[in-house]
Amino acid sequence: MLSRFFSQLVIHVLGNGILLIGILLVLFVEDWRAGLGLSIFSIMALSLLLSLRSFAVVPWAQYRQMGAEFFGFLGEHLAGREDIRANGAVGYVMHRFHEILQRWLPIYQKARFASTVLWATSVGLFTAGNAIALATAAYLWNQNAIIALRKHVRTCFESGIDTITKAIKLTPPLSHPIFEHKPPMLNLV
C-alpha cells in the first residue's frame, strides 16, 4: 500500500513537472515575453512553496507527536481503569488527561495556522499566476503579436453566435395546451 502511494506520488510529481516544462516551452516558442514572464513566475512560486514547506511540516510533526502521546495515555488508562478506581487515582488520571489536552490545543492551533498560511499562499500564487497570464495575453493581443489566436477566437465566437441564432430561428414555437392556457384575470374591485 505504501509502495503504491510513493509510486503514484513520483508519477504525479514527474508528470506535472514535465507538463510545466512543456507549457513553458510552448510559451517561449509562441512569444518569448510570455515564456519569460511565466517562467520567472513559476520559479518564484516554486521556491516560495518549497521554503514554506518547512514552516508547515514542523508544527504538524509536533501535533502528530502530541496525538500519539494522548492516545497512548488514553489506551493505557482505559485498560487499567479498574486498578485506577481501586487505588483512588481517578482524580490524578483526570488531571493528567486535562494537562495533555491543554498542551495539545496550542500545538493544534499552530499546525492549523501553518496549514492556513500554506493554503493562502497557494491560492494567492494561483491568482497572481492567472493575473500575469491574462496581463501578458492582453499586452500581446494589443500589440497584435498573437494575430492567429485573435482570428481563431473571432471565428469561434462568430460561429458559435451563428449556430445559436440559427437554432433559435429554426425552433418551432411551442404548441401545447399548457402554453396556450391563459390564467383568468382577478377582479379586485
N, C-alpha and C. Protein backbone atom coordinates (compact mmCIF):
# COMPACT_ATOMS: atom_id res chain seq x y z
N MET A 1 0.82 -1.19 0.00
CA MET A 1 0.00 0.00 0.00
C MET A 1 0.87 1.25 0.00
N LEU A 2 1.90 1.26 0.84
CA LEU A 2 2.79 2.41 0.92
C LEU A 2 3.61 2.55 -0.35
N SER A 3 4.02 1.42 -0.92
CA SER A 3 4.80 1.49 -2.16
C SER A 3 3.94 2.04 -3.30
N ARG A 4 2.66 1.69 -3.30
CA ARG A 4 1.75 2.22 -4.32
C ARG A 4 1.60 3.73 -4.18
N PHE A 5 1.51 4.20 -2.94
CA PHE A 5 1.41 5.63 -2.69
C PHE A 5 2.62 6.37 -3.24
N PHE A 6 3.83 5.84 -2.91
CA PHE A 6 5.04 6.52 -3.35
C PHE A 6 5.21 6.44 -4.87
N SER A 7 4.83 5.33 -5.47
CA SER A 7 4.94 5.26 -6.93
C SER A 7 3.98 6.24 -7.59
N GLN A 8 2.76 6.37 -7.06
CA GLN A 8 1.82 7.35 -7.60
C GLN A 8 2.33 8.77 -7.38
N LEU A 9 2.94 9.02 -6.23
CA LEU A 9 3.49 10.34 -5.94
C LEU A 9 4.58 10.70 -6.94
N VAL A 10 5.47 9.77 -7.21
CA VAL A 10 6.55 10.03 -8.17
C VAL A 10 5.97 10.27 -9.55
N ILE A 11 5.00 9.48 -9.94
CA ILE A 11 4.38 9.65 -11.26
C ILE A 11 3.72 11.01 -11.37
N HIS A 12 2.99 11.42 -10.34
CA HIS A 12 2.30 12.72 -10.39
C HIS A 12 3.30 13.88 -10.38
N VAL A 13 4.32 13.80 -9.56
CA VAL A 13 5.30 14.89 -9.49
C VAL A 13 6.05 15.00 -10.81
N LEU A 14 6.53 13.87 -11.33
CA LEU A 14 7.26 13.91 -12.60
C LEU A 14 6.34 14.33 -13.75
N GLY A 15 5.12 13.82 -13.77
CA GLY A 15 4.18 14.19 -14.83
C GLY A 15 3.86 15.67 -14.82
N ASN A 16 3.61 16.22 -13.64
CA ASN A 16 3.31 17.65 -13.56
C ASN A 16 4.53 18.50 -13.88
N GLY A 17 5.72 18.04 -13.50
CA GLY A 17 6.94 18.76 -13.85
C GLY A 17 7.17 18.79 -15.35
N ILE A 18 6.96 17.65 -16.01
CA ILE A 18 7.11 17.59 -17.46
C ILE A 18 6.05 18.45 -18.14
N LEU A 19 4.83 18.43 -17.62
CA LEU A 19 3.77 19.28 -18.17
C LEU A 19 4.12 20.76 -18.05
N LEU A 20 4.62 21.18 -16.89
CA LEU A 20 5.01 22.57 -16.69
C LEU A 20 6.11 22.98 -17.66
N ILE A 21 7.13 22.14 -17.80
CA ILE A 21 8.22 22.45 -18.73
C ILE A 21 7.71 22.52 -20.16
N GLY A 22 6.81 21.62 -20.53
CA GLY A 22 6.24 21.65 -21.88
C GLY A 22 5.43 22.91 -22.14
N ILE A 23 4.63 23.32 -21.17
CA ILE A 23 3.84 24.54 -21.33
C ILE A 23 4.75 25.75 -21.46
N LEU A 24 5.79 25.82 -20.64
CA LEU A 24 6.72 26.95 -20.72
C LEU A 24 7.47 26.96 -22.05
N LEU A 25 7.82 25.79 -22.57
CA LEU A 25 8.48 25.73 -23.88
C LEU A 25 7.56 26.21 -24.98
N VAL A 26 6.31 25.81 -24.94
CA VAL A 26 5.34 26.27 -25.95
C VAL A 26 5.17 27.78 -25.86
N LEU A 27 5.13 28.31 -24.64
CA LEU A 27 5.02 29.76 -24.48
C LEU A 27 6.25 30.47 -25.05
N PHE A 28 7.45 29.91 -24.83
CA PHE A 28 8.65 30.51 -25.40
C PHE A 28 8.62 30.48 -26.93
N VAL A 29 8.09 29.40 -27.50
CA VAL A 29 8.00 29.30 -28.96
C VAL A 29 7.00 30.32 -29.50
N GLU A 30 5.87 30.48 -28.83
CA GLU A 30 4.85 31.43 -29.28
C GLU A 30 5.32 32.87 -29.14
N ASP A 31 5.81 33.23 -27.97
CA ASP A 31 6.33 34.58 -27.76
C ASP A 31 7.26 34.53 -26.56
N TRP A 32 8.47 35.01 -26.74
CA TRP A 32 9.48 34.92 -25.69
C TRP A 32 9.08 35.69 -24.45
N ARG A 33 8.30 36.78 -24.60
CA ARG A 33 7.92 37.57 -23.43
C ARG A 33 6.97 36.79 -22.52
N ALA A 34 6.03 36.08 -23.14
CA ALA A 34 5.10 35.26 -22.35
C ALA A 34 5.85 34.13 -21.66
N GLY A 35 6.74 33.48 -22.39
CA GLY A 35 7.52 32.39 -21.80
C GLY A 35 8.42 32.85 -20.68
N LEU A 36 9.07 34.00 -20.87
CA LEU A 36 9.96 34.52 -19.84
C LEU A 36 9.19 34.94 -18.59
N GLY A 37 8.09 35.66 -18.78
CA GLY A 37 7.30 36.12 -17.64
C GLY A 37 6.76 34.98 -16.79
N LEU A 38 6.19 33.99 -17.46
CA LEU A 38 5.62 32.87 -16.70
C LEU A 38 6.70 31.91 -16.18
N SER A 39 7.85 31.86 -16.83
CA SER A 39 8.96 31.06 -16.29
C SER A 39 9.48 31.67 -15.00
N ILE A 40 9.67 32.99 -15.00
CA ILE A 40 10.12 33.67 -13.79
C ILE A 40 9.10 33.48 -12.67
N PHE A 41 7.82 33.63 -13.01
CA PHE A 41 6.78 33.43 -12.00
C PHE A 41 6.81 32.00 -11.47
N SER A 42 6.97 31.01 -12.35
CA SER A 42 6.98 29.61 -11.92
C SER A 42 8.14 29.32 -10.98
N ILE A 43 9.30 29.86 -11.29
CA ILE A 43 10.47 29.63 -10.44
C ILE A 43 10.26 30.29 -9.07
N MET A 44 9.73 31.53 -9.08
CA MET A 44 9.48 32.22 -7.81
C MET A 44 8.42 31.49 -6.98
N ALA A 45 7.35 31.03 -7.62
CA ALA A 45 6.29 30.33 -6.90
C ALA A 45 6.80 29.02 -6.32
N LEU A 46 7.56 28.28 -7.10
CA LEU A 46 8.10 27.01 -6.62
C LEU A 46 9.05 27.22 -5.45
N SER A 47 9.92 28.22 -5.55
CA SER A 47 10.85 28.47 -4.45
C SER A 47 10.11 28.94 -3.19
N LEU A 48 9.05 29.74 -3.35
CA LEU A 48 8.27 30.18 -2.19
C LEU A 48 7.57 29.00 -1.53
N LEU A 49 6.96 28.13 -2.32
CA LEU A 49 6.26 26.98 -1.75
C LEU A 49 7.24 26.00 -1.08
N LEU A 50 8.42 25.83 -1.67
CA LEU A 50 9.41 24.95 -1.05
C LEU A 50 9.95 25.54 0.25
N SER A 51 10.07 26.86 0.31
CA SER A 51 10.54 27.47 1.56
C SER A 51 9.47 27.40 2.65
N LEU A 52 8.20 27.43 2.26
CA LEU A 52 7.12 27.34 3.25
C LEU A 52 6.88 25.91 3.72
N ARG A 53 7.43 24.95 3.01
CA ARG A 53 7.22 23.55 3.39
C ARG A 53 7.72 23.28 4.80
N SER A 54 8.92 23.76 5.12
CA SER A 54 9.46 23.53 6.47
C SER A 54 8.65 24.27 7.52
N PHE A 55 8.06 25.40 7.14
CA PHE A 55 7.21 26.16 8.05
C PHE A 55 5.97 25.35 8.44
N ALA A 56 5.44 24.55 7.52
CA ALA A 56 4.23 23.79 7.79
C ALA A 56 4.51 22.39 8.36
N VAL A 57 5.66 21.83 8.07
CA VAL A 57 5.94 20.45 8.48
C VAL A 57 6.19 20.35 9.98
N VAL A 58 6.95 21.28 10.54
CA VAL A 58 7.33 21.21 11.95
C VAL A 58 6.11 21.22 12.88
N PRO A 59 5.17 22.16 12.74
CA PRO A 59 4.01 22.13 13.64
C PRO A 59 3.16 20.87 13.50
N TRP A 60 3.04 20.35 12.29
CA TRP A 60 2.25 19.13 12.12
C TRP A 60 2.96 17.92 12.70
N ALA A 61 4.28 17.90 12.67
CA ALA A 61 5.01 16.81 13.32
C ALA A 61 4.80 16.86 14.83
N GLN A 62 4.81 18.06 15.40
CA GLN A 62 4.54 18.22 16.83
C GLN A 62 3.11 17.80 17.16
N TYR A 63 2.18 18.15 16.29
CA TYR A 63 0.78 17.77 16.51
C TYR A 63 0.62 16.25 16.48
N ARG A 64 1.25 15.59 15.53
CA ARG A 64 1.17 14.12 15.45
C ARG A 64 1.81 13.49 16.69
N GLN A 65 2.92 14.04 17.15
CA GLN A 65 3.59 13.53 18.36
C GLN A 65 2.66 13.66 19.55
N MET A 66 2.00 14.81 19.67
CA MET A 66 1.09 15.03 20.79
C MET A 66 -0.12 14.10 20.71
N GLY A 67 -0.60 13.86 19.48
CA GLY A 67 -1.70 12.92 19.29
C GLY A 67 -1.31 11.51 19.70
N ALA A 68 -0.09 11.11 19.36
CA ALA A 68 0.38 9.78 19.76
C ALA A 68 0.48 9.68 21.27
N GLU A 69 0.98 10.74 21.90
CA GLU A 69 1.07 10.74 23.36
C GLU A 69 -0.32 10.66 24.00
N PHE A 70 -1.26 11.41 23.46
CA PHE A 70 -2.62 11.42 24.01
C PHE A 70 -3.27 10.04 23.89
N PHE A 71 -3.21 9.46 22.70
CA PHE A 71 -3.88 8.18 22.51
C PHE A 71 -3.15 7.04 23.24
N GLY A 72 -1.85 7.16 23.42
CA GLY A 72 -1.14 6.20 24.25
C GLY A 72 -1.60 6.29 25.70
N PHE A 73 -1.71 7.53 26.20
CA PHE A 73 -2.21 7.75 27.55
C PHE A 73 -3.63 7.20 27.70
N LEU A 74 -4.47 7.50 26.72
CA LEU A 74 -5.87 7.06 26.77
C LEU A 74 -5.97 5.54 26.79
N GLY A 75 -5.25 4.87 25.89
CA GLY A 75 -5.30 3.41 25.83
C GLY A 75 -4.78 2.77 27.11
N GLU A 76 -3.70 3.32 27.64
CA GLU A 76 -3.11 2.76 28.86
C GLU A 76 -4.07 2.89 30.04
N HIS A 77 -4.71 4.04 30.15
CA HIS A 77 -5.57 4.25 31.31
C HIS A 77 -6.96 3.64 31.15
N LEU A 78 -7.40 3.46 29.93
CA LEU A 78 -8.66 2.74 29.74
C LEU A 78 -8.48 1.25 30.07
N ALA A 79 -7.32 0.71 29.71
CA ALA A 79 -7.06 -0.70 30.02
C ALA A 79 -6.94 -0.92 31.53
N GLY A 80 -6.44 0.08 32.24
CA GLY A 80 -6.25 -0.09 33.67
C GLY A 80 -7.27 0.67 34.52
N ARG A 81 -8.46 0.88 33.97
CA ARG A 81 -9.46 1.69 34.69
C ARG A 81 -9.90 1.06 36.01
N GLU A 82 -9.94 -0.27 36.08
CA GLU A 82 -10.35 -0.92 37.33
C GLU A 82 -9.31 -0.68 38.42
N ASP A 83 -8.02 -0.79 38.06
CA ASP A 83 -6.95 -0.54 39.03
C ASP A 83 -6.92 0.92 39.45
N ILE A 84 -7.21 1.81 38.51
CA ILE A 84 -7.21 3.25 38.83
C ILE A 84 -8.31 3.55 39.85
N ARG A 85 -9.48 2.98 39.63
CA ARG A 85 -10.58 3.20 40.57
C ARG A 85 -10.27 2.57 41.93
N ALA A 86 -9.70 1.36 41.92
CA ALA A 86 -9.42 0.65 43.17
C ALA A 86 -8.38 1.39 44.01
N ASN A 87 -7.43 2.04 43.36
CA ASN A 87 -6.37 2.76 44.09
C ASN A 87 -6.74 4.22 44.37
N GLY A 88 -7.91 4.64 43.89
CA GLY A 88 -8.35 6.02 44.14
C GLY A 88 -7.58 7.05 43.35
N ALA A 89 -7.14 6.70 42.15
CA ALA A 89 -6.32 7.61 41.34
C ALA A 89 -7.11 8.27 40.22
N VAL A 90 -8.43 8.25 40.31
CA VAL A 90 -9.26 8.83 39.24
C VAL A 90 -8.97 10.32 39.09
N GLY A 91 -8.86 11.03 40.18
CA GLY A 91 -8.58 12.47 40.14
C GLY A 91 -7.24 12.76 39.47
N TYR A 92 -6.22 11.96 39.82
CA TYR A 92 -4.89 12.14 39.24
C TYR A 92 -4.92 11.90 37.73
N VAL A 93 -5.59 10.83 37.31
CA VAL A 93 -5.67 10.49 35.88
C VAL A 93 -6.42 11.59 35.12
N MET A 94 -7.52 12.08 35.70
CA MET A 94 -8.27 13.15 35.03
C MET A 94 -7.45 14.43 34.95
N HIS A 95 -6.65 14.71 36.00
CA HIS A 95 -5.78 15.88 35.97
C HIS A 95 -4.75 15.76 34.84
N ARG A 96 -4.14 14.58 34.71
CA ARG A 96 -3.17 14.36 33.62
C ARG A 96 -3.85 14.43 32.26
N PHE A 97 -5.08 13.92 32.17
CA PHE A 97 -5.86 13.97 30.92
C PHE A 97 -6.06 15.43 30.50
N HIS A 98 -6.46 16.27 31.44
CA HIS A 98 -6.68 17.68 31.12
C HIS A 98 -5.38 18.41 30.80
N GLU A 99 -4.29 18.03 31.45
CA GLU A 99 -2.98 18.62 31.13
C GLU A 99 -2.58 18.33 29.69
N ILE A 100 -2.78 17.09 29.28
CA ILE A 100 -2.43 16.72 27.91
C ILE A 100 -3.30 17.50 26.92
N LEU A 101 -4.58 17.61 27.21
CA LEU A 101 -5.46 18.36 26.31
C LEU A 101 -5.06 19.84 26.25
N GLN A 102 -4.66 20.40 27.38
CA GLN A 102 -4.25 21.81 27.40
C GLN A 102 -2.94 22.01 26.63
N ARG A 103 -2.06 21.04 26.64
CA ARG A 103 -0.82 21.15 25.85
C ARG A 103 -1.10 20.92 24.37
N TRP A 104 -2.13 20.12 24.08
CA TRP A 104 -2.43 19.75 22.70
C TRP A 104 -3.07 20.91 21.94
N LEU A 105 -3.92 21.69 22.55
CA LEU A 105 -4.66 22.75 21.86
C LEU A 105 -3.74 23.78 21.21
N PRO A 106 -2.77 24.37 21.91
CA PRO A 106 -1.91 25.35 21.22
C PRO A 106 -1.09 24.74 20.08
N ILE A 107 -0.71 23.49 20.24
CA ILE A 107 0.03 22.81 19.17
C ILE A 107 -0.87 22.65 17.95
N TYR A 108 -2.12 22.27 18.20
CA TYR A 108 -3.08 22.13 17.11
C TYR A 108 -3.31 23.48 16.42
N GLN A 109 -3.43 24.54 17.19
CA GLN A 109 -3.67 25.86 16.61
C GLN A 109 -2.49 26.31 15.76
N LYS A 110 -1.26 26.03 16.20
CA LYS A 110 -0.09 26.37 15.39
C LYS A 110 -0.07 25.58 14.09
N ALA A 111 -0.43 24.32 14.17
CA ALA A 111 -0.44 23.48 12.97
C ALA A 111 -1.51 23.96 11.99
N ARG A 112 -2.69 24.29 12.50
CA ARG A 112 -3.75 24.80 11.61
C ARG A 112 -3.36 26.14 11.00
N PHE A 113 -2.70 27.00 11.79
CA PHE A 113 -2.25 28.28 11.27
C PHE A 113 -1.24 28.07 10.14
N ALA A 114 -0.31 27.14 10.34
CA ALA A 114 0.68 26.85 9.29
C ALA A 114 -0.01 26.34 8.03
N SER A 115 -1.02 25.49 8.18
CA SER A 115 -1.76 25.00 7.02
C SER A 115 -2.51 26.12 6.34
N THR A 116 -3.08 27.02 7.13
CA THR A 116 -3.81 28.15 6.55
C THR A 116 -2.88 29.06 5.78
N VAL A 117 -1.70 29.31 6.32
CA VAL A 117 -0.72 30.15 5.62
C VAL A 117 -0.31 29.49 4.31
N LEU A 118 -0.07 28.19 4.34
CA LEU A 118 0.31 27.47 3.13
C LEU A 118 -0.82 27.50 2.10
N TRP A 119 -2.06 27.29 2.56
CA TRP A 119 -3.21 27.33 1.66
C TRP A 119 -3.39 28.72 1.06
N ALA A 120 -3.32 29.76 1.90
CA ALA A 120 -3.50 31.13 1.41
C ALA A 120 -2.39 31.50 0.42
N THR A 121 -1.18 31.04 0.67
CA THR A 121 -0.08 31.31 -0.24
C THR A 121 -0.33 30.65 -1.59
N SER A 122 -0.79 29.40 -1.57
CA SER A 122 -1.04 28.72 -2.85
C SER A 122 -2.19 29.37 -3.61
N VAL A 123 -3.23 29.80 -2.91
CA VAL A 123 -4.34 30.50 -3.57
C VAL A 123 -3.86 31.84 -4.12
N GLY A 124 -3.05 32.56 -3.34
CA GLY A 124 -2.50 33.83 -3.81
C GLY A 124 -1.61 33.65 -5.03
N LEU A 125 -0.78 32.61 -5.01
CA LEU A 125 0.07 32.34 -6.17
C LEU A 125 -0.75 31.96 -7.39
N PHE A 126 -1.81 31.19 -7.20
CA PHE A 126 -2.70 30.83 -8.31
C PHE A 126 -3.32 32.08 -8.91
N THR A 127 -3.78 32.99 -8.05
CA THR A 127 -4.39 34.23 -8.51
C THR A 127 -3.36 35.10 -9.23
N ALA A 128 -2.17 35.21 -8.66
CA ALA A 128 -1.11 36.01 -9.29
C ALA A 128 -0.71 35.41 -10.63
N GLY A 129 -0.63 34.10 -10.72
CA GLY A 129 -0.30 33.45 -11.99
C GLY A 129 -1.34 33.72 -13.05
N ASN A 130 -2.62 33.63 -12.67
CA ASN A 130 -3.68 33.95 -13.63
C ASN A 130 -3.61 35.41 -14.05
N ALA A 131 -3.34 36.30 -13.12
CA ALA A 131 -3.25 37.73 -13.45
C ALA A 131 -2.08 37.99 -14.41
N ILE A 132 -0.94 37.36 -14.14
CA ILE A 132 0.22 37.53 -15.02
C ILE A 132 -0.08 36.98 -16.41
N ALA A 133 -0.70 35.81 -16.48
CA ALA A 133 -1.02 35.21 -17.78
C ALA A 133 -2.02 36.08 -18.54
N LEU A 134 -3.04 36.56 -17.86
CA LEU A 134 -4.03 37.41 -18.55
C LEU A 134 -3.43 38.75 -18.96
N ALA A 135 -2.60 39.34 -18.11
CA ALA A 135 -1.95 40.62 -18.46
C ALA A 135 -1.03 40.44 -19.65
N THR A 136 -0.27 39.35 -19.67
CA THR A 136 0.62 39.08 -20.80
C THR A 136 -0.18 38.87 -22.07
N ALA A 137 -1.26 38.10 -21.97
CA ALA A 137 -2.11 37.87 -23.15
C ALA A 137 -2.74 39.16 -23.63
N ALA A 138 -3.20 40.01 -22.72
CA ALA A 138 -3.81 41.29 -23.13
C ALA A 138 -2.76 42.18 -23.80
N TYR A 139 -1.56 42.21 -23.25
CA TYR A 139 -0.50 43.02 -23.84
C TYR A 139 -0.17 42.53 -25.25
N LEU A 140 0.00 41.22 -25.39
CA LEU A 140 0.34 40.66 -26.70
C LEU A 140 -0.82 40.82 -27.68
N TRP A 141 -2.03 40.76 -27.19
CA TRP A 141 -3.22 40.95 -28.03
C TRP A 141 -3.22 42.38 -28.57
N ASN A 142 -2.96 43.36 -27.71
CA ASN A 142 -2.95 44.76 -28.14
C ASN A 142 -1.78 45.07 -29.06
N GLN A 143 -0.70 44.34 -28.94
CA GLN A 143 0.46 44.53 -29.80
C GLN A 143 0.32 43.76 -31.11
N ASN A 144 -0.80 43.09 -31.30
CA ASN A 144 -1.05 42.25 -32.47
C ASN A 144 0.03 41.18 -32.64
N ALA A 145 0.57 40.73 -31.52
CA ALA A 145 1.60 39.69 -31.57
C ALA A 145 0.99 38.30 -31.67
N ILE A 146 -0.27 38.20 -31.37
CA ILE A 146 -0.94 36.90 -31.43
C ILE A 146 -2.14 37.00 -32.37
N ILE A 147 -1.86 37.39 -33.62
CA ILE A 147 -2.91 37.60 -34.61
C ILE A 147 -3.63 36.31 -34.93
N ALA A 148 -2.89 35.21 -35.04
CA ALA A 148 -3.52 33.94 -35.37
C ALA A 148 -4.53 33.56 -34.29
N LEU A 149 -4.17 33.76 -33.05
CA LEU A 149 -5.09 33.47 -31.96
C LEU A 149 -6.30 34.38 -32.01
N ARG A 150 -6.07 35.66 -32.31
CA ARG A 150 -7.16 36.63 -32.38
C ARG A 150 -8.16 36.21 -33.47
N LYS A 151 -7.66 35.79 -34.62
CA LYS A 151 -8.55 35.36 -35.71
C LYS A 151 -9.30 34.09 -35.32
N HIS A 152 -8.60 33.18 -34.68
CA HIS A 152 -9.23 31.93 -34.26
C HIS A 152 -10.35 32.19 -33.24
N VAL A 153 -10.08 33.05 -32.26
CA VAL A 153 -11.10 33.37 -31.25
C VAL A 153 -12.30 34.02 -31.91
N ARG A 154 -12.05 34.97 -32.83
CA ARG A 154 -13.16 35.65 -33.51
C ARG A 154 -13.98 34.65 -34.32
N THR A 155 -13.32 33.74 -35.02
CA THR A 155 -14.01 32.74 -35.81
C THR A 155 -14.87 31.83 -34.93
N CYS A 156 -14.29 31.37 -33.83
CA CYS A 156 -15.05 30.50 -32.91
C CYS A 156 -16.24 31.25 -32.32
N PHE A 157 -16.01 32.48 -31.94
CA PHE A 157 -17.08 33.26 -31.33
C PHE A 157 -18.20 33.51 -32.33
N GLU A 158 -17.82 33.91 -33.56
CA GLU A 158 -18.84 34.20 -34.57
C GLU A 158 -19.59 32.93 -34.97
N SER A 159 -18.88 31.82 -35.11
CA SER A 159 -19.57 30.58 -35.50
C SER A 159 -20.49 30.11 -34.36
N GLY A 160 -20.08 30.33 -33.13
CA GLY A 160 -20.95 29.97 -32.00
C GLY A 160 -22.21 30.81 -31.97
N ILE A 161 -22.06 32.12 -32.21
CA ILE A 161 -23.22 33.01 -32.25
C ILE A 161 -24.12 32.64 -33.41
N ASP A 162 -23.52 32.34 -34.59
CA ASP A 162 -24.33 31.95 -35.75
C ASP A 162 -25.09 30.67 -35.48
N THR A 163 -24.47 29.71 -34.83
CA THR A 163 -25.13 28.44 -34.51
C THR A 163 -26.32 28.66 -33.58
N ILE A 164 -26.13 29.48 -32.58
CA ILE A 164 -27.22 29.76 -31.64
C ILE A 164 -28.35 30.50 -32.35
N THR A 165 -28.00 31.46 -33.20
CA THR A 165 -29.02 32.23 -33.92
C THR A 165 -29.82 31.31 -34.84
N LYS A 166 -29.14 30.44 -35.58
CA LYS A 166 -29.83 29.51 -36.46
C LYS A 166 -30.73 28.57 -35.67
N ALA A 167 -30.25 28.10 -34.54
CA ALA A 167 -31.06 27.19 -33.72
C ALA A 167 -32.32 27.89 -33.23
N ILE A 168 -32.19 29.15 -32.87
CA ILE A 168 -33.37 29.88 -32.39
C ILE A 168 -34.35 30.10 -33.53
N LYS A 169 -33.84 30.42 -34.73
CA LYS A 169 -34.72 30.67 -35.88
C LYS A 169 -35.42 29.40 -36.33
N LEU A 170 -34.75 28.27 -36.25
CA LEU A 170 -35.31 27.01 -36.72
C LEU A 170 -36.21 26.32 -35.69
N THR A 171 -36.20 26.79 -34.47
CA THR A 171 -37.01 26.15 -33.45
C THR A 171 -38.46 26.58 -33.63
N PRO A 172 -39.38 25.60 -33.81
CA PRO A 172 -40.79 25.98 -33.97
C PRO A 172 -41.35 26.48 -32.65
N PRO A 173 -42.35 27.34 -32.72
CA PRO A 173 -42.95 27.81 -31.47
C PRO A 173 -43.60 26.64 -30.73
N LEU A 174 -43.60 26.72 -29.45
CA LEU A 174 -44.16 25.65 -28.63
C LEU A 174 -45.68 25.69 -28.69
N SER A 175 -46.25 24.57 -29.03
CA SER A 175 -47.71 24.49 -29.04
C SER A 175 -48.11 23.32 -28.15
N HIS A 176 -48.60 23.65 -27.03
CA HIS A 176 -49.02 22.66 -26.05
C HIS A 176 -50.11 23.34 -25.25
N PRO A 177 -51.10 22.60 -24.80
CA PRO A 177 -52.20 23.24 -24.06
C PRO A 177 -51.71 24.05 -22.86
N ILE A 178 -50.64 23.63 -22.26
CA ILE A 178 -50.18 24.36 -21.08
C ILE A 178 -49.66 25.75 -21.45
N PHE A 179 -49.10 25.88 -22.69
CA PHE A 179 -48.60 27.18 -23.12
C PHE A 179 -49.73 28.06 -23.67
N GLU A 180 -50.81 27.46 -24.10
CA GLU A 180 -51.91 28.22 -24.66
C GLU A 180 -52.90 28.67 -23.59
N HIS A 181 -52.87 28.09 -22.46
CA HIS A 181 -53.79 28.43 -21.38
C HIS A 181 -53.41 29.78 -20.77
N LYS A 182 -54.39 30.67 -20.71
CA LYS A 182 -54.15 31.97 -20.09
C LYS A 182 -54.93 32.00 -18.78
N PRO A 183 -54.26 32.35 -17.70
CA PRO A 183 -54.96 32.35 -16.42
C PRO A 183 -56.01 33.47 -16.38
N PRO A 184 -57.11 33.23 -15.70
CA PRO A 184 -58.14 34.26 -15.63
C PRO A 184 -57.65 35.46 -14.82
N MET A 185 -58.10 36.61 -15.21
CA MET A 185 -57.73 37.84 -14.51
C MET A 185 -58.56 37.94 -13.23
N LEU A 186 -57.96 38.44 -12.20
CA LEU A 186 -58.66 38.60 -10.94
C LEU A 186 -59.33 39.97 -10.90
N ASN A 187 -60.54 40.00 -10.49
CA ASN A 187 -61.23 41.26 -10.30
C ASN A 187 -61.17 41.62 -8.83
N LEU A 188 -60.37 42.61 -8.54
CA LEU A 188 -60.21 43.02 -7.16
C LEU A 188 -61.15 44.17 -6.79
N VAL A 189 -61.90 44.69 -7.76
CA VAL A 189 -62.76 45.83 -7.49
C VAL A 189 -64.11 45.38 -7.01
